[in-house]
């Protein structure tokens, strides 16, 4: 007999610990053969629509040093502004684009890298269009609850100025912590956990 949902209680939050990479990215951890490739490694398949880009960055602690055992995931819309979800748009999203990726930071440099596409604009709950962005989730040892943030694009100044999320940030000098810097087809986005340049995180 199925237990009622109230039977199960939420477990307390705890740090990701030293085993998060073993469970989430076994190939990266040297445990090959569990999956052909770690889940989230490849976001593009076939002829995905849109402009292909690379997002790279580091997760930095309060002293500016890279955290070398972080795990970063991204979730984004496709080039048309549609999410690859069975509950949204009834399968109209690009079938050659997953919209979700996972990348462990390099154990030497602390860098994470995603090969993806530049997302289209997605409507806010009131119908206004949000600027193109990707949502990021960050975990590492010492972080009890995964951190949520966004990366917007430096070459979308008009859309960023009208974005219904960015305009709500009271301390305007902190908006820059959510902007990825463009260089060719690459965007650099460092995530600062603490300090003067602390990234804006969202309570989701």
Foldseek 3Di string as FASTA:
>chain_A
DDDPPVVDDDDAFAACPPCVCCVQFVVVVVNPDPDVGGPQQDFFDDDADAAKFKEKEFEAEAVRAGDQFKKKKKAFAGQAQHGPDCVPPNRPGGPRGHRMHMFTAHNPRRMTMDTHHFHHWYADPVGHTAATKMKMWMGDGPDRHIWIAIAHEPVRVVRLVVGPVLVPDPPNVLSVLRYFYDDPRYTYHYAYCDHPNHHDTDDD
